[in-house]
Amino acid sequence: MTIERRLARAEFTLTRDYPASVERVWDAFADESQKLSWWGAGDSMEAREWAYDFRVGGRDIAEGQFHDGPLSRYEATYTDIVEHVRIVTTYDMWLDGVHMSTSVASLEFEPITDGTRFTHAEHGVFFDQFWADGVGRETGTRGLLDALGRYLS
């Protein structure tokens, strides 16, 4: 079988206002036990591998098998962390062992009157058969931000 070699790019910015302090929202990312409480696909997948190293140069790994679906693998490296201000990562995704994408994501934490304005901006490059998956990445990220909102409330 011949694989068509191609690239596609996708970028998006999502902003949410959470009724929690910057410190509380920050801790949901910076504290491993808190991140485990909301990150991922919940009951829709069986967790396989998890690694967490929240520091510049540190890596996160989250791998899981979707029930009746593919094996998903996420590997991120933290490239910039400014406490209570921003987190920047580069990350790669695989589905069933096939490299799907590489992305740069920035997470910003801004205090507002009623809590925190959180902004997630991302630019991704999608490979070969995954060239049309940019829309799905944004949808998945929206789901993560919804899960974060439920966790914080």
Protein backbone atom coordinates (compact mmCIF):
# COMPACT_ATOMS: atom_id res chain seq x y z
CA MET A 1 0.00 0.00 0.00
CA THR A 2 1.35 3.42 -0.95
CA ILE A 3 0.85 6.28 1.49
CA GLU A 4 0.28 9.71 -0.01
CA ARG A 5 2.82 12.04 1.57
CA ARG A 6 1.32 15.40 2.41
CA LEU A 7 1.13 18.04 5.13
CA ALA A 8 -1.73 20.14 6.38
CA ARG A 9 -1.64 22.93 8.92
CA ALA A 10 -4.29 23.97 11.39
CA GLU A 11 -4.37 26.64 14.03
CA PHE A 12 -6.90 27.80 16.53
CA THR A 13 -7.28 29.89 19.66
CA LEU A 14 -9.74 29.05 22.43
CA THR A 15 -10.47 31.37 25.34
CA ARG A 16 -12.41 30.47 28.46
CA ASP A 17 -13.23 32.44 31.59
CA TYR A 18 -13.15 30.21 34.66
CA PRO A 19 -14.62 31.30 38.02
CA ALA A 20 -11.43 30.32 39.87
CA SER A 21 -8.24 32.12 40.79
CA VAL A 22 -5.21 32.02 38.49
CA GLU A 23 -3.43 29.96 41.15
CA ARG A 24 -6.24 27.37 41.17
CA VAL A 25 -6.35 27.09 37.36
CA TRP A 26 -2.54 26.97 37.21
CA ASP A 27 -2.43 24.16 39.78
CA ALA A 28 -4.79 22.09 37.63
CA PHE A 29 -1.90 21.90 35.14
CA ALA A 30 1.14 22.11 37.42
CA ASP A 31 0.13 19.52 40.04
CA GLU A 32 0.19 15.96 38.68
CA SER A 33 -2.62 14.60 40.84
CA GLN A 34 -4.89 17.47 39.81
CA LYS A 35 -4.06 17.10 36.12
CA LEU A 36 -4.84 13.37 36.31
CA SER A 37 -8.28 14.28 37.70
CA TRP A 38 -9.46 16.04 34.55
CA TRP A 39 -7.03 15.39 31.65
CA GLY A 40 -7.86 12.76 29.05
CA ALA A 41 -10.84 10.89 27.73
CA GLY A 42 -12.29 9.69 31.03
CA ASP A 43 -14.26 6.45 30.74
CA SER A 44 -13.97 6.33 26.94
CA MET A 45 -10.42 4.98 27.08
CA GLU A 46 -8.23 2.57 28.99
CA ALA A 47 -5.08 4.32 30.24
CA ARG A 48 -1.84 2.61 29.22
CA GLU A 49 1.11 4.90 29.98
CA TRP A 50 1.47 8.15 31.90
CA ALA A 51 4.57 10.24 32.61
CA TYR A 52 4.60 13.73 34.06
CA ASP A 53 7.61 16.08 34.45
CA PHE A 54 6.40 19.68 34.80
CA ARG A 55 9.53 21.77 34.22
CA VAL A 56 11.20 23.41 31.23
CA GLY A 57 12.63 20.52 29.24
CA GLY A 58 10.36 18.04 31.05
CA ARG A 59 8.11 15.64 29.19
CA ASP A 60 4.53 14.47 29.54
CA ILE A 61 3.28 11.22 28.05
CA ALA A 62 -0.32 10.06 27.95
CA GLU A 63 -1.21 6.88 26.09
CA GLY A 64 -4.54 5.10 26.07
CA GLN A 65 -6.67 2.69 24.11
CA PHE A 66 -10.09 3.98 23.11
CA HIS A 67 -12.78 1.31 23.67
CA ASP A 68 -13.42 -0.19 20.23
CA GLY A 69 -11.02 2.38 18.78
CA PRO A 70 -7.40 3.34 18.21
CA LEU A 71 -4.44 3.56 20.54
CA SER A 72 -3.67 7.25 21.11
CA ARG A 73 -0.28 8.53 22.27
CA TYR A 74 0.59 12.10 23.31
CA GLU A 75 4.19 13.17 24.02
CA ALA A 76 4.85 16.78 25.05
CA THR A 77 7.94 18.75 25.99
CA TYR A 78 7.65 21.91 28.07
CA THR A 79 9.61 24.67 26.32
CA ASP A 80 8.62 27.65 28.51
CA ILE A 81 6.97 27.95 31.92
CA VAL A 82 6.34 31.23 33.74
CA GLU A 83 4.44 30.48 36.94
CA HIS A 84 0.84 31.73 36.92
CA VAL A 85 1.41 33.39 33.49
CA ARG A 86 2.09 30.86 30.69
CA ILE A 87 3.00 27.34 29.65
CA VAL A 88 4.36 26.57 26.17
CA THR A 89 4.73 23.02 24.86
CA THR A 90 5.60 21.20 21.70
CA TYR A 91 3.83 17.89 21.35
CA ASP A 92 3.42 14.93 19.03
CA MET A 93 0.46 12.62 18.60
CA TRP A 94 0.30 9.05 17.29
CA LEU A 95 -2.70 6.87 16.43
CA ASP A 96 -2.08 3.13 16.41
CA GLY A 97 1.65 3.80 16.25
CA VAL A 98 1.47 6.10 13.21
CA HIS A 99 2.82 9.64 13.70
CA MET A 100 -0.19 11.89 13.25
CA SER A 101 0.95 15.43 14.07
CA THR A 102 3.35 17.87 15.69
CA SER A 103 2.02 20.97 17.44
CA VAL A 104 3.09 24.03 19.40
CA ALA A 105 0.63 25.09 22.08
CA SER A 106 0.65 28.11 24.38
CA LEU A 107 -1.49 28.33 27.51
CA GLU A 108 -2.01 31.76 29.08
CA PHE A 109 -3.46 32.55 32.51
CA GLU A 110 -4.82 36.07 33.05
CA PRO A 111 -6.52 37.30 36.21
CA ILE A 112 -9.93 38.89 35.62
CA THR A 113 -12.51 40.27 38.04
CA ASP A 114 -14.41 36.99 38.44
CA GLY A 115 -11.54 34.52 38.10
CA THR A 116 -9.18 33.59 35.28
CA ARG A 117 -9.18 34.14 31.55
CA PHE A 118 -7.48 31.08 30.05
CA THR A 119 -6.28 31.14 26.45
CA HIS A 120 -5.08 28.08 24.55
CA ALA A 121 -3.48 28.86 21.16
CA GLU A 122 -2.17 26.07 18.95
CA HIS A 123 -0.52 25.55 15.59
CA GLY A 124 -0.34 21.98 14.32
CA VAL A 125 1.11 20.17 11.33
CA PHE A 126 -0.77 17.01 10.33
CA PHE A 127 0.92 14.27 8.36
CA ASP A 128 -0.12 12.08 5.43
CA GLN A 129 -3.47 10.30 6.02
CA PHE A 130 -4.18 12.64 8.97
CA TRP A 131 -4.06 15.78 6.82
CA ALA A 132 -7.74 16.61 7.48
CA ASP A 133 -7.67 16.09 11.26
CA GLY A 134 -7.07 19.71 12.31
CA VAL A 135 -10.77 20.28 13.00
CA GLY A 136 -10.81 17.22 15.23
CA ARG A 137 -7.88 18.58 17.25
CA GLU A 138 -9.77 21.77 17.99
CA THR A 139 -12.85 19.76 18.97
CA GLY A 140 -10.76 17.55 21.26
CA THR A 141 -9.16 20.59 22.88
CA ARG A 142 -12.60 22.11 23.47
CA GLY A 143 -13.50 18.87 25.28
CA LEU A 144 -10.41 19.15 27.47
CA LEU A 145 -11.27 22.74 28.37
CA ASP A 146 -14.83 21.64 29.22
CA ALA A 147 -13.39 18.92 31.46
CA LEU A 148 -11.15 21.52 33.12
CA GLY A 149 -14.18 23.75 33.73
CA ARG A 150 -16.07 20.86 35.36
CA TYR A 151 -13.04 20.06 37.51
CA LEU A 152 -12.69 23.67 38.67
CA SER A 153 -16.38 24.08 39.58
